[in-house]
Amino acid sequence: MLIMHWLFYGTGMIVLVYAGMGVALYLLQSRIAHQPNTSGRALIATPAHLGLRYETVSLRTEDGVKLHGWYIPAPQPRGFLLFCHGNAGNISHRLHSLRLFHLLGLSTFIFDYRGYGLSEGSPSDIGLHYDARAALRYLLEERRTPPERLFIFGRSLGGAIAARLTAERAAAALILDSAFTSAMDLAAELYPWLPTRWLTRLRYDTLAALRRIRVPVLILHSRDDELIAVDHGRRLYHAAHEPKVYVELRGSHGLAHIKDATRYIQALDGFVDEVLERAHFERAP
């Protein structure tokens, strides 16, 4: 009798713990996906620390949130790039990439999502999409950026945001760096013991957005990525429409552009050239 009592008690505790983990994932998934305070919200540096000229930009989203960003102009730019960064830290943690884009002759606009860095508000999936739309509107309307020379770039979480944005508005091309297929797919891999497909509320679906995109796509992913497995990059490539390019790198998540810098830079440089040449040919009389 005592054994049965402890058996029922132990089973009940396991069920409670399991249910508690599910409830926690359901309620806290936005905090898990959005981590603006990983390294603190303060800016640790600016492009000036790399000798880059830049402008501080303030803009408002369609729901009234004030965002902060930087515009880094390239001398006689060959193209323009909108940078949607990953889920952790802020724009000041992306200086290495800003220097790289500058060396490639791209004028770059990087912004912090709501709740990140010096931007107001609190992050949410729909909120971050509003933020990206405001950033694109700034480039197209205030900067008069020609859309046929505008590249939308997204790294990690920013890949889902960049893909959805590209599916909505005109741009020259989309670049995805270490992106996942969907928040639901990633959650299922990170928490395989939970019914994540029922619990996931976040609507980050890069795969679905890619199927609606008809501009050139470059997909960069590391085979060593320990957070977002390389299979995500391969599946995104197969889902994308032509013209498309897939480049497999080496290095951990978020650092492949440093670890495998030569291959990374060559891939970006060649893709930008190809897209701009195609655009020039299509505009020719």
Protein backbone atom coordinates (compact mmCIF):
# COMPACT_ATOMS: atom_id res chain seq x y z
CA MET A 1 0.00 0.00 0.00
CA LEU A 2 2.82 2.35 0.92
CA ILE A 3 4.58 1.54 -2.35
CA MET A 4 1.44 2.40 -4.32
CA HIS A 5 1.11 5.66 -2.41
CA TRP A 6 4.65 6.71 -3.27
CA LEU A 7 4.17 5.56 -6.86
CA PHE A 8 1.10 7.76 -7.28
CA TYR A 9 2.86 10.62 -5.46
CA GLY A 10 5.94 10.36 -7.67
CA THR A 11 3.88 10.17 -10.86
CA GLY A 12 1.87 13.18 -9.77
CA MET A 13 5.02 15.19 -9.10
CA ILE A 14 6.42 14.30 -12.54
CA VAL A 15 3.18 15.39 -14.18
CA LEU A 16 3.18 18.65 -12.22
CA VAL A 17 6.81 19.42 -13.12
CA TYR A 18 6.18 18.63 -16.78
CA ALA A 19 3.05 20.77 -16.85
CA GLY A 20 4.92 23.57 -15.07
CA MET A 21 7.67 23.51 -17.70
CA GLY A 22 5.05 23.71 -20.43
CA VAL A 23 3.30 26.65 -18.78
CA ALA A 24 6.63 28.42 -18.28
CA LEU A 25 7.53 28.00 -21.96
CA TYR A 26 4.12 29.25 -23.02
CA LEU A 27 4.24 32.33 -20.80
CA LEU A 28 7.94 33.20 -21.03
CA GLN A 29 8.70 32.43 -24.67
CA SER A 30 8.91 36.10 -25.60
CA ARG A 31 11.59 36.61 -22.95
CA ILE A 32 13.44 33.55 -24.22
CA ALA A 33 13.31 34.70 -27.84
CA HIS A 34 14.08 38.38 -27.14
CA GLN A 35 17.14 39.04 -24.97
CA PRO A 36 18.00 42.74 -25.18
CA ASN A 37 19.70 42.75 -21.78
CA THR A 38 22.13 39.90 -22.34
CA SER A 39 25.02 42.37 -22.29
CA GLY A 40 23.07 45.30 -20.89
CA ARG A 41 21.05 47.86 -22.85
CA ALA A 42 23.81 50.47 -22.78
CA LEU A 43 25.79 50.99 -25.98
CA ILE A 44 29.34 49.76 -25.52
CA ALA A 45 30.80 51.58 -28.54
CA THR A 46 29.88 53.39 -31.75
CA PRO A 47 31.10 53.14 -35.36
CA ALA A 48 33.42 56.06 -34.58
CA HIS A 49 35.54 53.63 -32.54
CA LEU A 50 36.34 51.95 -35.87
CA GLY A 51 36.95 55.24 -37.64
CA LEU A 52 33.60 55.08 -39.44
CA ARG A 53 31.48 58.16 -40.04
CA TYR A 54 27.89 57.64 -38.94
CA GLU A 55 24.65 59.44 -38.20
CA THR A 56 22.35 58.80 -35.25
CA VAL A 57 18.79 58.17 -36.41
CA SER A 58 15.53 58.40 -34.47
CA LEU A 59 12.32 57.15 -36.03
CA ARG A 60 8.81 56.19 -34.97
CA THR A 61 6.92 53.04 -35.80
CA GLU A 62 3.33 52.87 -36.98
CA ASP A 63 2.24 52.17 -33.39
CA GLY A 64 4.17 55.15 -32.02
CA VAL A 65 7.32 53.54 -30.55
CA LYS A 66 10.53 55.57 -30.83
CA LEU A 67 13.51 53.63 -32.19
CA HIS A 68 17.23 54.35 -32.27
CA GLY A 69 19.64 53.45 -35.03
CA TRP A 70 22.78 54.34 -36.95
CA TYR A 71 23.26 55.15 -40.61
CA ILE A 72 26.80 54.44 -41.81
CA PRO A 73 27.34 55.91 -45.29
CA ALA A 74 29.89 54.44 -47.65
CA PRO A 75 31.75 56.76 -50.02
CA GLN A 76 30.21 56.37 -53.47
CA PRO A 77 28.14 53.35 -52.33
CA ARG A 78 27.62 50.47 -54.72
CA GLY A 79 24.51 49.55 -52.76
CA PHE A 80 22.58 49.94 -49.51
CA LEU A 81 21.84 47.50 -46.71
CA LEU A 82 19.20 47.30 -43.99
CA PHE A 83 20.55 45.28 -41.06
CA CYS A 84 18.08 43.30 -38.89
CA HIS A 85 20.22 41.92 -36.05
CA GLY A 86 19.78 38.86 -33.83
CA ASN A 87 17.90 38.37 -30.58
CA ALA A 88 20.63 39.26 -28.06
CA GLY A 89 22.44 42.52 -27.33
CA ASN A 90 22.08 45.72 -29.33
CA ILE A 91 23.49 47.51 -32.35
CA SER A 92 26.76 48.31 -30.58
CA HIS A 93 27.56 44.56 -30.54
CA ARG A 94 27.52 44.46 -34.36
CA LEU A 95 30.46 46.76 -35.13
CA HIS A 96 32.49 44.03 -36.82
CA SER A 97 29.70 43.49 -39.34
CA LEU A 98 29.25 47.22 -39.86
CA ARG A 99 32.92 47.55 -40.77
CA LEU A 100 32.66 44.59 -43.13
CA PHE A 101 29.65 46.06 -44.96
CA HIS A 102 31.45 49.39 -45.19
CA LEU A 103 34.48 47.69 -46.76
CA LEU A 104 32.12 46.10 -49.29
CA GLY A 105 30.95 49.58 -50.32
CA LEU A 106 27.49 49.34 -48.76
CA SER A 107 25.83 52.22 -46.92
CA THR A 108 24.24 50.48 -43.94
CA PHE A 109 21.32 51.29 -41.66
CA ILE A 110 21.17 49.29 -38.44
CA PHE A 111 18.48 49.85 -35.83
CA ASP A 112 17.57 48.49 -32.44
CA TYR A 113 14.23 46.80 -32.01
CA ARG A 114 11.84 48.07 -29.35
CA GLY A 115 13.22 47.31 -25.90
CA TYR A 116 16.77 46.95 -27.25
CA GLY A 117 19.58 49.46 -26.76
CA LEU A 118 18.24 53.02 -26.73
CA SER A 119 14.92 52.14 -28.38
CA GLU A 120 11.72 52.51 -26.37
CA GLY A 121 9.11 49.86 -25.62
CA SER A 122 9.14 46.11 -25.02
CA PRO A 123 9.84 43.44 -27.65
CA SER A 124 7.18 41.25 -29.24
CA ASP A 125 6.98 39.39 -32.53
CA ILE A 126 4.53 41.79 -34.16
CA GLY A 127 6.32 44.76 -32.59
CA LEU A 128 9.66 43.79 -34.13
CA HIS A 129 7.96 43.55 -37.50
CA TYR A 130 6.61 47.07 -37.07
CA ASP A 131 10.15 48.17 -36.21
CA ALA A 132 11.59 46.67 -39.40
CA ARG A 133 8.85 48.30 -41.47
CA ALA A 134 9.68 51.68 -39.93
CA ALA A 135 13.37 51.17 -40.71
CA LEU A 136 12.61 50.29 -44.33
CA ARG A 137 10.25 53.23 -44.66
CA TYR A 138 13.02 55.51 -43.38
CA LEU A 139 15.41 54.29 -46.06
CA LEU A 140 12.92 54.44 -48.91
CA GLU A 141 11.14 57.67 -48.04
CA GLU A 142 13.58 59.82 -46.09
CA ARG A 143 16.87 58.61 -47.58
CA ARG A 144 15.35 58.11 -51.05
CA THR A 145 17.20 54.81 -51.27
CA PRO A 146 16.63 53.15 -54.65
CA PRO A 147 14.94 49.79 -53.91
CA GLU A 148 16.77 48.13 -56.82
CA ARG A 149 20.04 48.69 -54.89
CA LEU A 150 18.74 47.86 -51.41
CA PHE A 151 19.71 44.60 -49.69
CA ILE A 152 17.74 43.44 -46.66
CA PHE A 153 19.98 41.48 -44.29
CA GLY A 154 18.89 39.38 -41.31
CA ARG A 155 21.00 37.39 -38.89
CA SER A 156 19.53 34.65 -36.66
CA LEU A 157 16.18 35.97 -35.34
CA GLY A 158 16.66 38.93 -37.67
CA GLY A 159 16.42 36.50 -40.58
CA ALA A 160 12.74 35.86 -39.89
CA ILE A 161 12.12 39.60 -39.59
CA ALA A 162 14.05 40.39 -42.78
CA ALA A 163 12.29 37.65 -44.77
CA ARG A 164 8.82 38.82 -43.76
CA LEU A 165 9.75 42.40 -44.57
CA THR A 166 11.10 41.43 -48.01
CA ALA A 167 7.92 39.47 -48.74
CA GLU A 168 5.94 42.69 -48.13
CA ARG A 169 8.03 45.41 -49.75
CA ALA A 170 10.26 45.77 -52.78
CA ALA A 171 14.03 45.36 -52.41
CA ALA A 172 16.91 44.21 -54.56
CA ALA A 173 17.63 41.04 -52.62
CA LEU A 174 17.46 39.23 -49.28
CA ILE A 175 20.45 37.93 -47.30
CA LEU A 176 19.86 35.40 -44.49
CA ASP A 177 22.69 34.67 -42.06
CA SER A 178 22.24 31.80 -39.56
CA ALA A 179 18.46 31.96 -39.83
CA PHE A 180 15.92 29.38 -38.63
CA THR A 181 13.02 27.97 -40.65
CA SER A 182 10.43 28.93 -38.03
CA ALA A 183 10.18 29.60 -34.31
CA MET A 184 8.06 26.47 -34.00
CA ASP A 185 10.70 24.27 -35.67
CA LEU A 186 13.49 25.71 -33.53
CA ALA A 187 11.51 25.31 -30.30
CA ALA A 188 10.81 21.66 -31.17
CA GLU A 189 14.57 21.06 -31.46
CA LEU A 190 15.54 22.99 -28.34
CA TYR A 191 12.78 21.50 -26.14
CA PRO A 192 12.06 18.06 -27.67
CA TRP A 193 10.42 16.77 -24.46
CA LEU A 194 7.64 19.39 -24.63
CA PRO A 195 4.67 19.71 -27.05
CA THR A 196 6.17 22.89 -28.47
CA ARG A 197 4.02 22.89 -31.60
CA TRP A 198 1.01 23.46 -29.37
CA LEU A 199 2.76 25.89 -27.04
CA THR A 200 4.61 28.18 -29.48
CA ARG A 201 2.83 31.51 -29.94
CA LEU A 202 5.61 33.42 -31.74
CA ARG A 203 4.92 33.94 -35.43
CA TYR A 204 8.47 33.99 -36.78
CA ASP A 205 8.13 31.86 -39.93
CA THR A 206 11.05 32.42 -42.28
CA LEU A 207 10.12 29.46 -44.46
CA ALA A 208 6.62 30.75 -45.17
CA ALA A 209 7.93 34.23 -46.02
CA LEU A 210 10.57 32.79 -48.40
CA ARG A 211 7.90 31.08 -50.47
CA ARG A 212 6.42 34.52 -51.24
CA ILE A 213 9.71 36.19 -52.20
CA ARG A 214 10.67 36.61 -55.85
CA VAL A 215 13.95 38.54 -55.49
CA PRO A 216 17.43 36.94 -55.31
CA VAL A 217 18.27 35.28 -51.99
CA LEU A 218 21.63 34.52 -50.39
CA ILE A 219 21.60 32.04 -47.51
CA LEU A 220 24.66 31.74 -45.27
CA HIS A 221 24.81 29.09 -42.56
CA SER A 222 27.53 27.33 -40.60
CA ARG A 223 27.70 23.55 -40.45
CA ASP A 224 29.07 24.04 -36.90
CA ASP A 225 26.10 26.10 -35.68
CA GLU A 226 25.27 24.74 -32.23
CA LEU A 227 22.08 26.76 -31.75
CA ILE A 228 20.35 26.74 -35.16
CA ALA A 229 21.36 23.53 -36.93
CA VAL A 230 22.67 23.76 -40.49
CA ASP A 231 19.59 21.85 -41.67
CA HIS A 232 17.61 25.08 -41.21
CA GLY A 233 19.81 26.84 -43.77
CA ARG A 234 19.56 23.94 -46.20
CA ARG A 235 15.77 23.79 -45.91
CA LEU A 236 15.51 27.55 -46.42
CA TYR A 237 17.62 27.27 -49.56
CA HIS A 238 15.45 24.51 -51.02
CA ALA A 239 12.29 26.52 -50.28
CA ALA A 240 13.56 29.74 -51.89
CA HIS A 241 12.81 30.60 -55.50
CA GLU A 242 15.53 31.15 -58.06
CA PRO A 243 17.82 33.01 -58.28
CA LYS A 244 19.29 31.81 -55.01
CA VAL A 245 22.72 31.07 -53.54
CA TYR A 246 23.65 28.89 -50.56
CA VAL A 247 27.04 29.12 -48.84
CA GLU A 248 28.01 26.81 -46.00
CA LEU A 249 30.50 28.20 -43.48
CA ARG A 250 32.47 27.07 -40.43
CA GLY A 251 32.22 28.50 -36.93
CA SER A 252 29.75 28.72 -34.06
CA HIS A 253 26.41 30.51 -34.14
CA GLY A 254 26.77 34.23 -34.71
CA LEU A 255 30.53 34.01 -35.23
CA ALA A 256 30.90 32.27 -38.59
CA HIS A 257 31.34 35.66 -40.29
CA ILE A 258 34.50 36.04 -38.20
CA LYS A 259 35.71 32.43 -38.09
CA ASP A 260 35.22 31.89 -41.84
CA ALA A 261 35.71 35.51 -42.85
CA THR A 262 37.28 34.95 -46.28
CA ARG A 263 34.49 32.70 -47.55
CA TYR A 264 31.88 34.97 -45.95
CA ILE A 265 33.20 38.15 -47.56
CA GLN A 266 33.63 36.50 -50.95
CA ALA A 267 30.04 35.22 -50.83
CA LEU A 268 28.64 38.65 -49.99
CA ASP A 269 30.81 40.47 -52.52
CA GLY A 270 29.93 38.10 -55.34
CA PHE A 271 26.21 38.12 -54.52
CA VAL A 272 26.04 41.92 -54.37
CA ASP A 273 27.83 42.17 -57.72
CA GLU A 274 25.51 39.66 -59.35
CA VAL A 275 22.34 41.32 -58.05
CA LEU A 276 23.42 44.82 -59.07
CA GLU A 277 24.55 43.65 -62.52
CA ARG A 278 21.21 41.93 -63.07
CA ALA A 279 19.35 45.07 -61.98
CA HIS A 280 21.44 47.21 -64.34
CA PHE A 281 20.78 44.83 -67.24
CA GLU A 282 17.02 44.79 -66.57
CA ARG A 283 16.91 48.61 -66.52
CA ALA A 284 18.90 48.98 -69.72
CA PRO A 285 16.82 50.10 -72.74
